[in-house]
C-alpha cells in the first residue's frame, strides 16, 4: 500500500514547525522579508504602506498579507 506525504500521516502525534524571517528596510515603510522553513525553501517578498501613510504603495501592505493569511 502506498503511503501519503509525511504531513498527512495520522500516526504522527506531534510536529515542530520552524520558520525564520530576515527583514531588511529599504525605505522607512518598504521592507523586504526572506522567510525560510527549517532552513530551506527560502521565499522573499516585499511589503509597503500606501502614500496616505508615508509609504510608496509599491507592494502589498502588511495588513494585506495578514488578511490573506487568515483567508488561506
PDB file of N, CA and C in Angstrom:
ATOM      1  N   UNK A   1       0.841  -1.172   0.000  1.00  0.00           N
ATOM      2  CA  UNK A   1       0.000   0.000   0.000  1.00  0.00           C
ATOM      3  C   UNK A   1       0.891   1.242   0.000  1.00  0.00           C
ATOM      4  N   UNK A   2       0.613   2.215  -0.848  1.00  0.00           N
ATOM      5  CA  UNK A   2       1.411   3.435  -0.943  1.00  0.00           C
ATOM      6  C   UNK A   2       1.096   4.373   0.226  1.00  0.00           C
ATOM      7  N   UNK A   3       2.149   4.976   0.746  1.00  0.00           N
ATOM      8  CA  UNK A   3       1.967   5.926   1.835  1.00  0.00           C
ATOM      9  C   UNK A   3       1.814   7.331   1.267  1.00  0.00           C
ATOM     10  N   UNK A   4       1.049   8.149   1.962  1.00  0.00           N
ATOM     11  CA  UNK A   4       0.887   9.541   1.574  1.00  0.00           C
ATOM     12  C   UNK A   4       2.035  10.380   2.101  1.00  0.00           C
ATOM     13  N   UNK A   5       1.988  11.677   1.887  1.00  0.00           N
ATOM     14  CA  UNK A   5       3.036  12.562   2.396  1.00  0.00           C
ATOM     15  C   UNK A   5       3.130  12.507   3.922  1.00  0.00           C
ATOM     16  N   UNK A   6       4.329  12.745   4.445  1.00  0.00           N
ATOM     17  CA  UNK A   6       4.547  12.688   5.893  1.00  0.00           C
ATOM     18  C   UNK A   6       3.576  13.597   6.643  1.00  0.00           C
ATOM     19  N   UNK A   7       3.274  14.745   6.078  1.00  0.00           N
ATOM     20  CA  UNK A   7       2.373  15.693   6.733  1.00  0.00           C
ATOM     21  C   UNK A   7       0.960  15.175   6.919  1.00  0.00           C
ATOM     22  N   UNK A   8       0.598  14.133   6.190  1.00  0.00           N
ATOM     23  CA  UNK A   8      -0.745  13.557   6.309  1.00  0.00           C
ATOM     24  C   UNK A   8      -0.757  12.224   7.045  1.00  0.00           C
ATOM     25  N   UNK A   9       0.384  11.831   7.610  1.00  0.00           N
ATOM     26  CA  UNK A   9       0.480  10.556   8.321  1.00  0.00           C
ATOM     27  C   UNK A   9      -0.285  10.654   9.646  1.00  0.00           C
ATOM     28  N   UNK A  10      -1.386   9.906   9.818  1.00  0.00           N
ATOM     29  CA  UNK A  10      -2.195  10.014  11.031  1.00  0.00           C
ATOM     30  C   UNK A  10      -1.520   9.443  12.272  1.00  0.00           C
ATOM     31  N   UNK A  11      -0.410   8.717  12.130  1.00  0.00           N
ATOM     32  CA  UNK A  11       0.257   8.146  13.305  1.00  0.00           C
ATOM     33  C   UNK A  11       1.196   9.159  13.964  1.00  0.00           C
ATOM     34  N   UNK A  12       1.507  10.257  13.312  1.00  0.00           N
ATOM     35  CA  UNK A  12       2.368  11.279  13.908  1.00  0.00           C
ATOM     36  C   UNK A  12       1.538  12.087  14.902  1.00  0.00           C
ATOM     37  N   UNK A  13       1.986  12.130  16.142  1.00  0.00           N
ATOM     38  CA  UNK A  13       1.232  12.780  17.216  1.00  0.00           C
ATOM     39  C   UNK A  13       1.629  14.242  17.452  1.00  0.00           C
ATOM     40  N   UNK A  14       2.877  14.577  17.193  1.00  0.00           N
ATOM     41  CA  UNK A  14       3.333  15.953  17.389  1.00  0.00           C
ATOM     42  C   UNK A  14       4.198  16.367  16.203  1.00  0.00           C
ATOM     43  N   UNK A  15       4.282  17.666  15.983  1.00  0.00           N
ATOM     44  CA  UNK A  15       5.117  18.215  14.918  1.00  0.00           C
ATOM     45  C   UNK A  15       5.775  19.489  15.436  1.00  0.00           C
ATOM     46  N   UNK A  16       6.969  19.739  14.947  1.00  0.00           N
ATOM     47  CA  UNK A  16       7.636  21.009  15.236  1.00  0.00           C
ATOM     48  C   UNK A  16       7.870  21.695  13.897  1.00  0.00           C
ATOM     49  N   UNK A  17       7.362  22.898  13.790  1.00  0.00           N
ATOM     50  CA  UNK A  17       7.500  23.670  12.559  1.00  0.00           C
ATOM     51  C   UNK A  17       8.255  24.947  12.899  1.00  0.00           C
ATOM     52  N   UNK A  18       9.357  25.186  12.215  1.00  0.00           N
ATOM     53  CA  UNK A  18      10.174  26.367  12.497  1.00  0.00           C
ATOM     54  C   UNK A  18      10.302  27.219  11.238  1.00  0.00           C
ATOM     55  N   UNK A  19       9.965  28.488  11.358  1.00  0.00           N
ATOM     56  CA  UNK A  19      10.159  29.466  10.299  1.00  0.00           C
ATOM     57  C   UNK A  19      11.146  30.511  10.789  1.00  0.00           C
ATOM     58  N   UNK A  20      11.964  31.003   9.893  1.00  0.00           N
ATOM     59  CA  UNK A  20      12.885  32.082  10.230  1.00  0.00           C
ATOM     60  C   UNK A  20      12.667  33.200   9.225  1.00  0.00           C
ATOM     61  N   UNK A  21      12.594  34.434   9.722  1.00  0.00           N
ATOM     62  CA  UNK A  21      12.384  35.587   8.850  1.00  0.00           C
ATOM     63  C   UNK A  21      13.509  36.590   9.050  1.00  0.00           C
ATOM     64  N   UNK A  22      14.058  37.042   7.941  1.00  0.00           N
ATOM     65  CA  UNK A  22      15.070  38.094   7.939  1.00  0.00           C
ATOM     66  C   UNK A  22      14.462  39.268   7.186  1.00  0.00           C
ATOM     67  N   UNK A  23      14.344  40.423   7.831  1.00  0.00           N
ATOM     68  CA  UNK A  23      13.693  41.585   7.232  1.00  0.00           C
ATOM     69  C   UNK A  23      14.690  42.723   7.097  1.00  0.00           C
ATOM     70  N   UNK A  24      14.692  43.329   5.916  1.00  0.00           N
ATOM     71  CA  UNK A  24      15.561  44.474   5.644  1.00  0.00           C
ATOM     72  C   UNK A  24      14.698  45.678   5.290  1.00  0.00           C
ATOM     73  N   UNK A  25      15.034  46.839   5.838  1.00  0.00           N
ATOM     74  CA  UNK A  25      14.341  48.080   5.497  1.00  0.00           C
ATOM     75  C   UNK A  25      14.990  48.690   4.265  1.00  0.00           C
ATOM     76  N   UNK A  26      14.185  48.974   3.246  1.00  0.00           N
ATOM     77  CA  UNK A  26      14.664  49.644   2.048  1.00  0.00           C
ATOM     78  C   UNK A  26      14.398  51.149   2.184  1.00  0.00           C
ATOM     79  N   UNK A  27      13.204  51.487   2.627  1.00  0.00           N
ATOM     80  CA  UNK A  27      12.815  52.850   2.997  1.00  0.00           C
ATOM     81  C   UNK A  27      12.138  52.719   4.352  1.00  0.00           C
ATOM     82  N   UNK A  28      11.712  53.817   4.960  1.00  0.00           N
ATOM     83  CA  UNK A  28      11.053  53.663   6.270  1.00  0.00           C
ATOM     84  C   UNK A  28       9.849  52.722   6.266  1.00  0.00           C
ATOM     85  N   UNK A  29       9.139  52.590   5.131  1.00  0.00           N
ATOM     86  CA  UNK A  29       7.963  51.723   5.106  1.00  0.00           C
ATOM     87  C   UNK A  29       8.085  50.544   4.157  1.00  0.00           C
ATOM     88  N   UNK A  30       9.028  50.572   3.233  1.00  0.00           N
ATOM     89  CA  UNK A  30       9.229  49.461   2.303  1.00  0.00           C
ATOM     90  C   UNK A  30      10.201  48.466   2.922  1.00  0.00           C
ATOM     91  N   UNK A  31       9.747  47.240   3.077  1.00  0.00           N
ATOM     92  CA  UNK A  31      10.557  46.188   3.699  1.00  0.00           C
ATOM     93  C   UNK A  31      10.650  44.989   2.771  1.00  0.00           C
ATOM     94  N   UNK A  32      11.786  44.300   2.804  1.00  0.00           N
ATOM     95  CA  UNK A  32      11.971  43.030   2.101  1.00  0.00           C
ATOM     96  C   UNK A  32      12.160  41.947   3.152  1.00  0.00           C
ATOM     97  N   UNK A  33      11.366  40.905   3.063  1.00  0.00           N
ATOM     98  CA  UNK A  33      11.453  39.804   4.019  1.00  0.00           C
ATOM     99  C   UNK A  33      11.838  38.533   3.286  1.00  0.00           C
ATOM    100  N   UNK A  34      12.785  37.806   3.848  1.00  0.00           N
ATOM    101  CA  UNK A  34      13.131  36.478   3.355  1.00  0.00           C
ATOM    102  C   UNK A  34      12.782  35.493   4.458  1.00  0.00           C
ATOM    103  N   UNK A  35      11.915  34.556   4.117  1.00  0.00           N
ATOM    104  CA  UNK A  35      11.425  33.589   5.094  1.00  0.00           C
ATOM    105  C   UNK A  35      11.848  32.192   4.652  1.00  0.00           C
ATOM    106  N   UNK A  36      12.305  31.388   5.615  1.00  0.00           N
ATOM    107  CA  UNK A  36      12.666  30.002   5.311  1.00  0.00           C
ATOM    108  C   UNK A  36      11.958  29.069   6.279  1.00  0.00           C
ATOM    109  N   UNK A  37      11.752  27.862   5.815  1.00  0.00           N
ATOM    110  CA  UNK A  37      11.123  26.817   6.623  1.00  0.00           C
ATOM    111  C   UNK A  37      12.173  25.755   6.901  1.00  0.00           C
ATOM    112  N   UNK A  38      12.559  25.632   8.173  1.00  0.00           N
ATOM    113  CA  UNK A  38      13.588  24.677   8.587  1.00  0.00           C
ATOM    114  C   UNK A  38      14.874  24.847   7.788  1.00  0.00           C
ATOM    115  N   UNK A  39      15.251  26.091   7.504  1.00  0.00           N
ATOM    116  CA  UNK A  39      16.495  26.388   6.810  1.00  0.00           C
ATOM    117  C   UNK A  39      16.463  26.173   5.313  1.00  0.00           C
ATOM    118  N   UNK A  40      15.305  25.871   4.750  1.00  0.00           N
ATOM    119  CA  UNK A  40      15.190  25.637   3.308  1.00  0.00           C
ATOM    120  C   UNK A  40      13.966  26.379   2.779  1.00  0.00           C
ATOM    121  N   UNK A  41      13.722  26.236   1.506  1.00  0.00           N
ATOM    122  CA  UNK A  41      12.538  26.813   0.851  1.00  0.00           C
ATOM    123  C   UNK A  41      12.454  28.321   1.067  1.00  0.00           C
ATOM    124  N   UNK A  42      13.549  29.017   0.838  1.00  0.00           N
ATOM    125  CA  UNK A  42      13.587  30.464   1.037  1.00  0.00           C
ATOM    126  C   UNK A  42      12.659  31.184   0.054  1.00  0.00           C
ATOM    127  N   UNK A  43      11.870  32.084   0.556  1.00  0.00           N
ATOM    128  CA  UNK A  43      10.988  32.920  -0.253  1.00  0.00           C
ATOM    129  C   UNK A  43      11.210  34.373   0.181  1.00  0.00           C
ATOM    130  N   UNK A  44      11.293  35.277  -0.797  1.00  0.00           N
ATOM    131  CA  UNK A  44      11.477  36.699  -0.496  1.00  0.00           C
ATOM    132  C   UNK A  44      10.286  37.473  -1.040  1.00  0.00           C
ATOM    133  N   UNK A  45       9.789  38.388  -0.228  1.00  0.00           N
ATOM    134  CA  UNK A  45       8.674  39.225  -0.670  1.00  0.00           C
ATOM    135  C   UNK A  45       8.789  40.595  -0.022  1.00  0.00           C
ATOM    136  N   UNK A  46       8.063  41.555  -0.606  1.00  0.00           N
ATOM    137  CA  UNK A  46       8.128  42.947  -0.154  1.00  0.00           C
ATOM    138  C   UNK A  46       6.791  43.367   0.426  1.00  0.00           C
ATOM    139  N   UNK A  47       6.831  44.342   1.332  1.00  0.00           N
ATOM    140  CA  UNK A  47       5.609  44.995   1.791  1.00  0.00           C
ATOM    141  C   UNK A  47       5.893  46.484   1.925  1.00  0.00           C
ATOM    142  N   UNK A  48       4.866  47.272   1.758  1.00  0.00           N
ATOM    143  CA  UNK A  48       4.999  48.731   1.801  1.00  0.00           C
ATOM    144  C   UNK A  48       3.656  49.300   2.232  1.00  0.00           C
ATOM    145  N   UNK A  49       3.696  50.428   2.869  1.00  0.00           N
ATOM    146  CA  UNK A  49       2.465  51.151   3.188  1.00  0.00           C
ATOM    147  C   UNK A  49       2.093  52.028   2.008  1.00  0.00           C
ATOM    148  N   UNK A  50       0.850  52.438   1.961  1.00  0.00           N
ATOM    149  CA  UNK A  50       0.386  53.326   0.906  1.00  0.00           C
ATOM    150  C   UNK A  50       0.842  54.757   1.133  1.00  0.00           C
ATOM    151  N   UNK A  51       0.720  55.601   0.111  1.00  0.00           N
ATOM    152  CA  UNK A  51       1.137  57.004   0.228  1.00  0.00           C
ATOM    153  C   UNK A  51       0.433  57.766   1.348  1.00  0.00           C
ATOM    154  N   UNK A  52      -0.800  57.373   1.656  1.00  0.00           N
ATOM    155  CA  UNK A  52      -1.517  58.084   2.725  1.00  0.00           C
ATOM    156  C   UNK A  52      -0.872  57.886   4.088  1.00  0.00           C
ATOM    157  N   UNK A  53      -0.036  56.849   4.229  1.00  0.00           N
ATOM    158  CA  UNK A  53       0.661  56.586   5.492  1.00  0.00           C
ATOM    159  C   UNK A  53       2.157  56.856   5.386  1.00  0.00           C
ATOM    160  N   UNK A  54       2.599  57.441   4.272  1.00  0.00           N
ATOM    161  CA  UNK A  54       4.017  57.774   4.123  1.00  0.00           C
ATOM    162  C   UNK A  54       4.823  56.787   3.306  1.00  0.00           C
ATOM    163  N   UNK A  55       4.201  55.719   2.839  1.00  0.00           N
ATOM    164  CA  UNK A  55       4.904  54.743   2.019  1.00  0.00           C
ATOM    165  C   UNK A  55       4.836  55.100   0.547  1.00  0.00           C
ATOM    166  N   UNK A  56       5.343  54.194  -0.276  1.00  0.00           N
ATOM    167  CA  UNK A  56       5.342  54.397  -1.722  1.00  0.00           C
ATOM    168  C   UNK A  56       4.169  53.712  -2.406  1.00  0.00           C
ATOM    169  N   UNK A  57       3.508  52.769  -1.722  1.00  0.00           N
ATOM    170  CA  UNK A  57       2.437  51.994  -2.334  1.00  0.00           C
ATOM    171  C   UNK A  57       2.958  51.021  -3.372  1.00  0.00           C
ATOM    172  N   UNK A  58       4.211  50.606  -3.238  1.00  0.00           N
ATOM    173  CA  UNK A  58       4.867  49.776  -4.247  1.00  0.00           C
ATOM    174  C   UNK A  58       4.678  48.272  -4.040  1.00  0.00           C
ATOM    175  N   UNK A  59       4.074  47.876  -2.949  1.00  0.00           N
ATOM    176  CA  UNK A  59       3.881  46.455  -2.638  1.00  0.00           C
ATOM    177  C   UNK A  59       2.672  46.335  -1.711  1.00  0.00           C
ATOM    178  N   UNK A  60       2.161  45.129  -1.518  1.00  0.00           N
ATOM    179  CA  UNK A  60       1.048  44.958  -0.582  1.00  0.00           C
ATOM    180  C   UNK A  60       1.426  45.442   0.822  1.00  0.00           C
ATOM    181  N   UNK A  61       0.429  45.916   1.546  1.00  0.00           N
ATOM    182  CA  UNK A  61       0.663  46.372   2.918  1.00  0.00           C
ATOM    183  C   UNK A  61       0.764  45.166   3.856  1.00  0.00           C
ATOM    184  N   UNK A  62       1.347  45.354   5.037  1.00  0.00           N
ATOM    185  CA  UNK A  62       1.391  44.244   5.996  1.00  0.00           C
ATOM    186  C   UNK A  62      -0.004  43.697   6.319  1.00  0.00           C
ATOM    187  N   UNK A  63      -0.995  44.578   6.420  1.00  0.00           N
ATOM    188  CA  UNK A  63      -2.353  44.130   6.731  1.00  0.00           C
ATOM    189  C   UNK A  63      -2.937  43.293   5.589  1.00  0.00           C
ATOM    190  N   UNK A  64      -2.544  43.585   4.347  1.00  0.00           N
ATOM    191  CA  UNK A  64      -2.997  42.753   3.218  1.00  0.00           C
ATOM    192  C   UNK A  64      -2.439  41.341   3.349  1.00  0.00           C
ATOM    193  N   UNK A  65      -1.163  41.215   3.701  1.00  0.00           N
ATOM    194  CA  UNK A  65      -0.573  39.881   3.895  1.00  0.00           C
ATOM    195  C   UNK A  65      -1.267  39.144   5.028  1.00  0.00           C
ATOM    196  N   UNK A  66      -1.525  39.854   6.124  1.00  0.00           N
ATOM    197  CA  UNK A  66      -2.186  39.244   7.273  1.00  0.00           C
ATOM    198  C   UNK A  66      -3.589  38.771   6.891  1.00  0.00           C
ATOM    199  N   UNK A  67      -4.330  39.604   6.166  1.00  0.00           N
ATOM    200  CA  UNK A  67      -5.686  39.232   5.741  1.00  0.00           C
ATOM    201  C   UNK A  67      -5.663  38.010   4.840  1.00  0.00           C
ATOM    202  N   UNK A  68      -4.708  37.953   3.917  1.00  0.00           N
ATOM    203  CA  UNK A  68      -4.592  36.796   3.032  1.00  0.00           C
ATOM    204  C   UNK A  68      -4.255  35.546   3.831  1.00  0.00           C
ATOM    205  N   UNK A  69      -3.367  35.670   4.823  1.00  0.00           N
ATOM    206  CA  UNK A  69      -3.000  34.516   5.644  1.00  0.00           C
ATOM    207  C   UNK A  69      -4.214  33.959   6.376  1.00  0.00           C
ATOM    208  N   UNK A  70      -5.077  34.823   6.860  1.00  0.00           N
ATOM    209  CA  UNK A  70      -6.282  34.352   7.526  1.00  0.00           C
ATOM    210  C   UNK A  70      -7.215  33.643   6.555  1.00  0.00           C
ATOM    211  N   UNK A  71      -7.258  34.123   5.325  1.00  0.00           N
ATOM    212  CA  UNK A  71      -8.141  33.520   4.326  1.00  0.00           C
ATOM    213  C   UNK A  71      -7.646  32.147   3.875  1.00  0.00           C
ATOM    214  N   UNK A  72      -6.320  31.930   3.912  1.00  0.00           N
ATOM    215  CA  UNK A  72      -5.787  30.638   3.498  1.00  0.00           C
ATOM    216  C   UNK A  72      -6.164  29.579   4.490  1.00  0.00           C
TER     217      UNK A  72
END
